[in-house]
Amino acid sequence: MGAAGPKGLPGSFKRMHQSAFSVTRQTREHPMKNTPVVFNNIITNTNNDYSTTTGKFTSKISGLYYFVYHSSMERNLCVLLYQDKVRKASFCDHKTNNIQVTSGGVLLHLKAGNQVWLEVNDYNGMVGTGESDSIFSGFLLFPD
């Protein structure tokens, strides 16, 4: 083993490898089926990776990500999670109470430029009101 080299410059590794978002859907309108669900209120959105216009998260950093949603529902609900037009997971629940909550999560390996979003099908009872939020979140666990 040789002598230690000179001390390096201070870096910003942690800052360069951050990606996290958490958004809520604040509307009483049910989302349109077979299109990305738009969550219109940003809680956190480092790097602006989530778009409140398209409803899609676009990764800028390749790595392992975790996505989770919690949805308030007024009627039957099926939430479908997509990565680049490929359905990766689906979560369905049928209403048994006036308003209830359903949730789901998935771990995905993404490359820079991959997109992730949620959709609903004919069971589209997702809502977001002051008393009852629907939320979509994701974050980078380990960069490549």
N, C-alpha and C. Protein backbone atom coordinates (compact mmCIF):
# COMPACT_ATOMS: atom_id res chain seq x y z
N MET A 1 0.85 -1.17 0.00
CA MET A 1 0.00 0.00 0.00
C MET A 1 0.89 1.23 0.00
N GLY A 2 0.60 2.18 -0.84
CA GLY A 2 1.42 3.38 -0.96
C GLY A 2 0.98 4.47 0.01
N ALA A 3 1.69 5.59 -0.11
CA ALA A 3 1.38 6.75 0.74
C ALA A 3 0.02 7.34 0.33
N ALA A 4 -0.63 7.94 1.28
CA ALA A 4 -1.93 8.58 1.01
C ALA A 4 -1.73 9.73 0.04
N GLY A 5 -2.68 9.89 -0.86
CA GLY A 5 -2.64 10.98 -1.83
C GLY A 5 -3.10 12.29 -1.21
N PRO A 6 -3.05 13.36 -1.99
CA PRO A 6 -3.49 14.66 -1.47
C PRO A 6 -5.00 14.65 -1.24
N LYS A 7 -5.41 15.46 -0.30
CA LYS A 7 -6.83 15.56 0.03
C LYS A 7 -7.58 16.14 -1.17
N GLY A 8 -8.74 15.58 -1.47
CA GLY A 8 -9.54 16.04 -2.59
C GLY A 8 -10.33 17.29 -2.26
N LEU A 9 -10.92 17.87 -3.28
CA LEU A 9 -11.77 19.04 -3.10
C LEU A 9 -13.09 18.63 -2.47
N PRO A 10 -13.70 19.53 -1.69
CA PRO A 10 -15.00 19.18 -1.12
C PRO A 10 -15.99 18.91 -2.25
N GLY A 11 -16.77 17.88 -2.08
CA GLY A 11 -17.71 17.50 -3.12
C GLY A 11 -19.15 17.71 -2.71
N SER A 12 -20.03 17.44 -3.64
CA SER A 12 -21.45 17.55 -3.35
C SER A 12 -22.16 16.28 -3.83
N PHE A 13 -21.53 15.13 -3.54
CA PHE A 13 -22.08 13.85 -3.97
C PHE A 13 -23.54 13.69 -3.55
N LYS A 14 -23.83 13.97 -2.28
CA LYS A 14 -25.20 13.81 -1.80
C LYS A 14 -26.15 14.72 -2.56
N ARG A 15 -25.75 15.93 -2.81
CA ARG A 15 -26.62 16.87 -3.50
C ARG A 15 -26.85 16.47 -4.96
N MET A 16 -25.84 15.90 -5.59
CA MET A 16 -25.96 15.51 -7.00
C MET A 16 -26.84 14.27 -7.16
N HIS A 17 -27.02 13.50 -6.11
CA HIS A 17 -27.74 12.24 -6.21
C HIS A 17 -29.00 12.25 -5.35
N GLN A 18 -29.78 13.28 -5.50
CA GLN A 18 -31.04 13.37 -4.78
C GLN A 18 -32.20 13.35 -5.78
N SER A 19 -33.23 12.64 -5.40
CA SER A 19 -34.45 12.66 -6.19
C SER A 19 -35.58 12.20 -5.28
N ALA A 20 -36.54 13.07 -5.06
CA ALA A 20 -37.69 12.73 -4.23
C ALA A 20 -38.85 13.65 -4.57
N PHE A 21 -40.05 13.10 -4.51
CA PHE A 21 -41.24 13.93 -4.71
C PHE A 21 -42.37 13.38 -3.87
N SER A 22 -43.25 14.25 -3.51
CA SER A 22 -44.49 13.89 -2.82
C SER A 22 -45.53 14.92 -3.24
N VAL A 23 -46.60 14.45 -3.86
CA VAL A 23 -47.62 15.34 -4.41
C VAL A 23 -49.01 14.84 -4.01
N THR A 24 -49.94 15.78 -3.87
CA THR A 24 -51.31 15.40 -3.55
C THR A 24 -52.23 15.80 -4.69
N ARG A 25 -53.35 15.13 -4.73
CA ARG A 25 -54.39 15.41 -5.72
C ARG A 25 -55.51 16.12 -4.98
N GLN A 26 -55.72 17.38 -5.32
CA GLN A 26 -56.71 18.18 -4.62
C GLN A 26 -57.84 18.56 -5.56
N THR A 27 -58.76 17.66 -5.71
CA THR A 27 -59.95 17.88 -6.53
C THR A 27 -60.99 16.83 -6.19
N ARG A 28 -62.24 17.19 -6.33
CA ARG A 28 -63.33 16.23 -6.13
C ARG A 28 -63.61 15.44 -7.40
N GLU A 29 -63.07 15.89 -8.52
CA GLU A 29 -63.31 15.20 -9.79
C GLU A 29 -62.55 13.89 -9.84
N HIS A 30 -63.21 12.88 -10.37
CA HIS A 30 -62.56 11.59 -10.53
C HIS A 30 -61.61 11.68 -11.73
N PRO A 31 -60.45 11.02 -11.66
CA PRO A 31 -59.51 11.10 -12.78
C PRO A 31 -60.05 10.38 -14.02
N MET A 32 -59.58 10.83 -15.17
CA MET A 32 -59.96 10.17 -16.42
C MET A 32 -59.27 8.81 -16.49
N LYS A 33 -59.99 7.83 -17.03
CA LYS A 33 -59.39 6.50 -17.11
C LYS A 33 -58.36 6.42 -18.24
N ASN A 34 -57.40 5.51 -18.04
CA ASN A 34 -56.37 5.18 -19.03
C ASN A 34 -55.50 6.36 -19.45
N THR A 35 -55.34 7.34 -18.57
CA THR A 35 -54.41 8.45 -18.78
C THR A 35 -53.71 8.71 -17.44
N PRO A 36 -52.53 9.31 -17.46
CA PRO A 36 -51.85 9.57 -16.19
C PRO A 36 -52.72 10.42 -15.26
N VAL A 37 -52.77 10.03 -14.00
CA VAL A 37 -53.47 10.80 -12.97
C VAL A 37 -52.58 11.98 -12.61
N VAL A 38 -53.12 13.17 -12.68
CA VAL A 38 -52.35 14.37 -12.34
C VAL A 38 -52.57 14.72 -10.88
N PHE A 39 -51.49 14.78 -10.14
CA PHE A 39 -51.49 15.25 -8.76
C PHE A 39 -51.04 16.70 -8.82
N ASN A 40 -51.88 17.63 -8.37
CA ASN A 40 -51.67 19.04 -8.68
C ASN A 40 -51.08 19.88 -7.56
N ASN A 41 -50.80 19.30 -6.40
CA ASN A 41 -50.23 20.07 -5.30
C ASN A 41 -48.90 19.46 -4.86
N ILE A 42 -47.84 20.23 -4.98
CA ILE A 42 -46.51 19.73 -4.64
C ILE A 42 -46.23 19.94 -3.17
N ILE A 43 -45.82 18.87 -2.49
CA ILE A 43 -45.31 18.95 -1.13
C ILE A 43 -43.79 19.04 -1.19
N THR A 44 -43.18 18.12 -1.93
CA THR A 44 -41.73 18.08 -2.14
C THR A 44 -41.50 17.67 -3.59
N ASN A 45 -40.51 18.30 -4.23
CA ASN A 45 -40.20 17.93 -5.62
C ASN A 45 -38.76 18.33 -5.93
N THR A 46 -37.80 17.61 -5.31
CA THR A 46 -36.39 17.91 -5.58
C THR A 46 -36.11 17.65 -7.05
N ASN A 47 -35.33 18.47 -7.65
CA ASN A 47 -34.95 18.36 -9.08
C ASN A 47 -36.13 18.57 -10.02
N ASN A 48 -37.32 18.86 -9.51
CA ASN A 48 -38.51 19.01 -10.37
C ASN A 48 -38.72 17.80 -11.27
N ASP A 49 -38.52 16.62 -10.72
CA ASP A 49 -38.66 15.38 -11.50
C ASP A 49 -40.11 15.00 -11.75
N TYR A 50 -41.04 15.47 -10.91
CA TYR A 50 -42.46 15.19 -11.11
C TYR A 50 -43.11 16.39 -11.78
N SER A 51 -43.93 16.15 -12.80
CA SER A 51 -44.61 17.22 -13.53
C SER A 51 -46.09 17.25 -13.15
N THR A 52 -46.53 18.39 -12.62
CA THR A 52 -47.95 18.56 -12.31
C THR A 52 -48.77 18.83 -13.57
N THR A 53 -48.11 18.95 -14.71
CA THR A 53 -48.81 19.11 -15.99
C THR A 53 -49.13 17.76 -16.60
N THR A 54 -48.14 16.86 -16.63
CA THR A 54 -48.32 15.55 -17.27
C THR A 54 -48.71 14.45 -16.29
N GLY A 55 -48.42 14.63 -14.99
CA GLY A 55 -48.66 13.59 -14.00
C GLY A 55 -47.58 12.53 -13.99
N LYS A 56 -46.46 12.79 -14.65
CA LYS A 56 -45.39 11.80 -14.76
C LYS A 56 -44.14 12.22 -14.00
N PHE A 57 -43.47 11.21 -13.41
CA PHE A 57 -42.15 11.38 -12.82
C PHE A 57 -41.15 10.95 -13.87
N THR A 58 -40.13 11.77 -14.13
CA THR A 58 -39.07 11.43 -15.07
C THR A 58 -37.75 11.38 -14.31
N SER A 59 -37.10 10.23 -14.31
CA SER A 59 -35.84 10.08 -13.57
C SER A 59 -34.71 10.79 -14.31
N LYS A 60 -33.90 11.49 -13.54
CA LYS A 60 -32.69 12.11 -14.08
C LYS A 60 -31.46 11.32 -13.68
N ILE A 61 -31.62 10.46 -12.68
CA ILE A 61 -30.52 9.69 -12.11
C ILE A 61 -30.89 8.21 -12.20
N SER A 62 -30.01 7.40 -12.77
CA SER A 62 -30.24 5.96 -12.81
C SER A 62 -30.06 5.38 -11.41
N GLY A 63 -30.94 4.45 -11.06
CA GLY A 63 -30.81 3.82 -9.75
C GLY A 63 -32.08 3.13 -9.32
N LEU A 64 -32.12 2.76 -8.04
CA LEU A 64 -33.24 2.05 -7.46
C LEU A 64 -34.15 3.05 -6.75
N TYR A 65 -35.43 3.06 -7.14
CA TYR A 65 -36.42 4.01 -6.63
C TYR A 65 -37.55 3.26 -5.94
N TYR A 66 -38.16 3.92 -4.97
CA TYR A 66 -39.36 3.39 -4.33
C TYR A 66 -40.50 4.37 -4.57
N PHE A 67 -41.65 3.84 -5.02
CA PHE A 67 -42.85 4.64 -5.27
C PHE A 67 -43.98 4.10 -4.40
N VAL A 68 -44.79 5.02 -3.89
CA VAL A 68 -45.91 4.63 -3.05
C VAL A 68 -47.05 5.61 -3.29
N TYR A 69 -48.28 5.11 -3.16
CA TYR A 69 -49.43 6.00 -3.24
C TYR A 69 -50.39 5.64 -2.12
N HIS A 70 -51.14 6.60 -1.68
CA HIS A 70 -52.24 6.42 -0.73
C HIS A 70 -53.39 7.21 -1.33
N SER A 71 -54.50 6.57 -1.54
CA SER A 71 -55.59 7.23 -2.22
C SER A 71 -56.89 7.13 -1.43
N SER A 72 -57.54 8.28 -1.29
CA SER A 72 -58.90 8.29 -0.76
C SER A 72 -59.83 7.99 -1.91
N MET A 73 -60.88 7.24 -1.62
CA MET A 73 -61.77 6.84 -2.69
C MET A 73 -63.22 6.96 -2.27
N GLU A 74 -64.06 7.33 -3.24
CA GLU A 74 -65.50 7.46 -3.03
C GLU A 74 -66.27 6.27 -3.59
N ARG A 75 -65.63 5.54 -4.46
CA ARG A 75 -66.25 4.35 -5.04
C ARG A 75 -65.13 3.40 -5.43
N ASN A 76 -65.41 2.33 -6.14
CA ASN A 76 -64.39 1.35 -6.49
C ASN A 76 -63.20 2.02 -7.18
N LEU A 77 -62.01 1.47 -6.91
CA LEU A 77 -60.80 2.09 -7.43
C LEU A 77 -59.78 1.02 -7.82
N CYS A 78 -59.21 1.15 -9.00
CA CYS A 78 -58.05 0.37 -9.43
C CYS A 78 -56.97 1.36 -9.83
N VAL A 79 -55.83 1.30 -9.18
CA VAL A 79 -54.70 2.16 -9.49
C VAL A 79 -53.64 1.30 -10.17
N LEU A 80 -53.18 1.76 -11.31
CA LEU A 80 -52.19 1.03 -12.11
C LEU A 80 -50.92 1.87 -12.16
N LEU A 81 -49.77 1.26 -11.85
CA LEU A 81 -48.50 1.97 -11.90
C LEU A 81 -47.76 1.56 -13.17
N TYR A 82 -47.36 2.57 -13.95
CA TYR A 82 -46.68 2.34 -15.22
C TYR A 82 -45.26 2.85 -15.19
N GLN A 83 -44.38 2.13 -15.90
CA GLN A 83 -43.03 2.61 -16.19
C GLN A 83 -42.88 2.53 -17.69
N ASP A 84 -42.73 3.68 -18.32
CA ASP A 84 -42.54 3.75 -19.77
C ASP A 84 -43.55 2.89 -20.54
N LYS A 85 -44.83 3.11 -20.28
CA LYS A 85 -45.95 2.47 -20.98
C LYS A 85 -46.12 0.98 -20.67
N VAL A 86 -45.35 0.46 -19.69
CA VAL A 86 -45.47 -0.94 -19.28
C VAL A 86 -46.05 -0.97 -17.88
N ARG A 87 -47.18 -1.66 -17.73
CA ARG A 87 -47.80 -1.75 -16.40
C ARG A 87 -46.91 -2.61 -15.51
N LYS A 88 -46.50 -2.05 -14.38
CA LYS A 88 -45.62 -2.76 -13.45
C LYS A 88 -46.38 -3.29 -12.24
N ALA A 89 -47.47 -2.64 -11.86
CA ALA A 89 -48.24 -3.09 -10.70
C ALA A 89 -49.66 -2.55 -10.79
N SER A 90 -50.59 -3.28 -10.19
CA SER A 90 -51.96 -2.78 -10.10
C SER A 90 -52.49 -3.09 -8.71
N PHE A 91 -53.30 -2.17 -8.21
CA PHE A 91 -53.87 -2.28 -6.88
C PHE A 91 -55.36 -1.95 -7.00
N CYS A 92 -56.22 -2.90 -6.68
CA CYS A 92 -57.66 -2.67 -6.80
C CYS A 92 -58.34 -2.87 -5.46
N ASP A 93 -59.33 -2.03 -5.20
CA ASP A 93 -60.10 -2.12 -3.97
C ASP A 93 -61.55 -1.77 -4.31
N HIS A 94 -62.46 -2.44 -3.65
CA HIS A 94 -63.87 -2.18 -3.88
C HIS A 94 -64.47 -1.56 -2.63
N LYS A 95 -65.22 -0.52 -2.85
CA LYS A 95 -65.77 0.30 -1.77
C LYS A 95 -66.65 -0.52 -0.83
N THR A 96 -66.35 -0.38 0.45
CA THR A 96 -67.20 -0.99 1.45
C THR A 96 -67.74 0.04 2.43
N ASN A 97 -67.12 1.23 2.45
CA ASN A 97 -67.55 2.33 3.32
C ASN A 97 -67.80 3.56 2.45
N ASN A 98 -68.28 4.64 3.06
CA ASN A 98 -68.51 5.88 2.30
C ASN A 98 -67.22 6.37 1.65
N ILE A 99 -66.19 6.54 2.46
CA ILE A 99 -64.87 6.91 1.94
C ILE A 99 -63.87 6.00 2.62
N GLN A 100 -62.96 5.46 1.85
CA GLN A 100 -61.91 4.63 2.43
C GLN A 100 -60.60 4.93 1.72
N VAL A 101 -59.52 4.33 2.23
CA VAL A 101 -58.19 4.58 1.69
C VAL A 101 -57.61 3.28 1.17
N THR A 102 -56.95 3.36 0.05
CA THR A 102 -56.21 2.24 -0.49
C THR A 102 -54.78 2.71 -0.75
N SER A 103 -53.83 1.79 -0.72
CA SER A 103 -52.44 2.19 -0.93
C SER A 103 -51.66 1.05 -1.55
N GLY A 104 -50.51 1.39 -2.10
CA GLY A 104 -49.63 0.40 -2.68
C GLY A 104 -48.25 0.99 -2.92
N GLY A 105 -47.27 0.13 -3.06
CA GLY A 105 -45.91 0.59 -3.30
C GLY A 105 -45.15 -0.42 -4.13
N VAL A 106 -44.10 0.06 -4.77
CA VAL A 106 -43.28 -0.81 -5.61
C VAL A 106 -41.85 -0.24 -5.69
N LEU A 107 -40.89 -1.12 -5.83
CA LEU A 107 -39.48 -0.79 -5.98
C LEU A 107 -39.11 -1.03 -7.44
N LEU A 108 -38.55 -0.01 -8.10
CA LEU A 108 -38.19 -0.12 -9.52
C LEU A 108 -36.76 0.33 -9.77
N HIS A 109 -36.09 -0.35 -10.67
CA HIS A 109 -34.79 0.13 -11.13
C HIS A 109 -35.02 0.96 -12.39
N LEU A 110 -34.62 2.23 -12.33
CA LEU A 110 -34.84 3.14 -13.46
C LEU A 110 -33.52 3.60 -14.04
N LYS A 111 -33.54 3.86 -15.32
CA LYS A 111 -32.43 4.52 -16.00
C LYS A 111 -32.81 5.98 -16.18
N ALA A 112 -31.84 6.84 -16.36
CA ALA A 112 -32.12 8.26 -16.60
C ALA A 112 -33.06 8.37 -17.80
N GLY A 113 -34.13 9.14 -17.64
CA GLY A 113 -35.10 9.34 -18.71
C GLY A 113 -36.34 8.46 -18.60
N ASN A 114 -36.29 7.40 -17.78
CA ASN A 114 -37.49 6.57 -17.59
C ASN A 114 -38.58 7.39 -16.91
N GLN A 115 -39.83 7.04 -17.21
CA GLN A 115 -40.97 7.75 -16.62
C GLN A 115 -41.85 6.78 -15.85
N VAL A 116 -42.43 7.28 -14.76
CA VAL A 116 -43.33 6.49 -13.92
C VAL A 116 -44.55 7.34 -13.63
N TRP A 117 -45.74 6.72 -13.68
CA TRP A 117 -46.98 7.45 -13.38
C TRP A 117 -48.05 6.47 -12.93
N LEU A 118 -49.15 7.02 -12.45
CA LEU A 118 -50.31 6.23 -12.05
C LEU A 118 -51.45 6.47 -13.03
N GLU A 119 -52.24 5.44 -13.27
CA GLU A 119 -53.46 5.54 -14.05
C GLU A 119 -54.57 4.83 -13.31
N VAL A 120 -55.80 5.08 -13.72
CA VAL A 120 -56.95 4.33 -13.23
C VAL A 120 -57.68 3.76 -14.44
N ASN A 121 -58.50 2.75 -14.19
CA ASN A 121 -59.31 2.20 -15.27
C ASN A 121 -60.77 2.58 -15.03
N ASP A 122 -61.71 1.71 -15.37
CA ASP A 122 -63.13 2.03 -15.16
C ASP A 122 -63.45 2.28 -13.69
N TYR A 123 -62.67 1.68 -12.80
CA TYR A 123 -62.82 1.93 -11.37
C TYR A 123 -61.95 3.12 -11.01
N ASN A 124 -62.51 4.31 -11.12
CA ASN A 124 -61.71 5.54 -11.03
C ASN A 124 -62.15 6.45 -9.89
N GLY A 125 -62.52 5.89 -8.74
CA GLY A 125 -63.10 6.66 -7.65
C GLY A 125 -62.15 7.48 -6.81
N MET A 126 -60.93 7.76 -7.30
CA MET A 126 -59.94 8.52 -6.53
C MET A 126 -60.38 9.98 -6.37
N VAL A 127 -60.25 10.49 -5.14
CA VAL A 127 -60.56 11.89 -4.87
C VAL A 127 -59.43 12.51 -4.06
N GLY A 128 -59.50 13.79 -3.89
CA GLY A 128 -58.59 14.52 -3.03
C GLY A 128 -59.28 15.78 -2.57
N THR A 129 -59.67 15.79 -1.32
CA THR A 129 -60.35 16.95 -0.77
C THR A 129 -59.66 17.35 0.53
N GLY A 130 -60.10 18.41 1.13
CA GLY A 130 -59.49 18.88 2.36
C GLY A 130 -59.50 17.85 3.47
N GLU A 131 -60.55 17.05 3.54
CA GLU A 131 -60.66 16.05 4.60
C GLU A 131 -59.99 14.74 4.24
N SER A 132 -59.68 14.54 2.98
CA SER A 132 -59.29 13.21 2.52
C SER A 132 -58.35 13.32 1.32
N ASP A 133 -57.05 13.22 1.56
CA ASP A 133 -56.06 13.40 0.50
C ASP A 133 -55.76 12.12 -0.26
N SER A 134 -55.36 12.28 -1.51
CA SER A 134 -54.72 11.23 -2.28
C SER A 134 -53.31 11.72 -2.56
N ILE A 135 -52.33 10.84 -2.37
CA ILE A 135 -50.93 11.27 -2.44
C ILE A 135 -50.10 10.25 -3.23
N PHE A 136 -49.13 10.75 -3.98
CA PHE A 136 -48.20 9.93 -4.76
C PHE A 136 -46.80 10.41 -4.41
N SER A 137 -45.93 9.48 -4.05
CA SER A 137 -44.57 9.83 -3.65
C SER A 137 -43.58 8.86 -4.25
N GLY A 138 -42.36 9.32 -4.43
CA GLY A 138 -41.28 8.46 -4.90
C GLY A 138 -39.95 9.06 -4.51
N PHE A 139 -38.95 8.18 -4.36
CA PHE A 139 -37.63 8.69 -4.01
C PHE A 139 -36.55 7.69 -4.42
N LEU A 140 -35.39 8.22 -4.67
CA LEU A 140 -34.21 7.44 -5.03
C LEU A 140 -33.63 6.83 -3.78
N LEU A 141 -33.47 5.51 -3.78
CA LEU A 141 -32.83 4.83 -2.65
C LEU A 141 -31.33 4.74 -2.87
N PHE A 142 -30.93 4.19 -4.04
CA PHE A 142 -29.51 3.98 -4.32
C PHE A 142 -29.22 4.35 -5.77
N PRO A 143 -28.37 5.35 -5.99
CA PRO A 143 -27.98 5.66 -7.37
C PRO A 143 -27.06 4.57 -7.91
N ASP A 144 -27.04 4.40 -9.25
CA ASP A 144 -26.12 3.43 -9.87
C ASP A 144 -24.71 3.93 -9.78
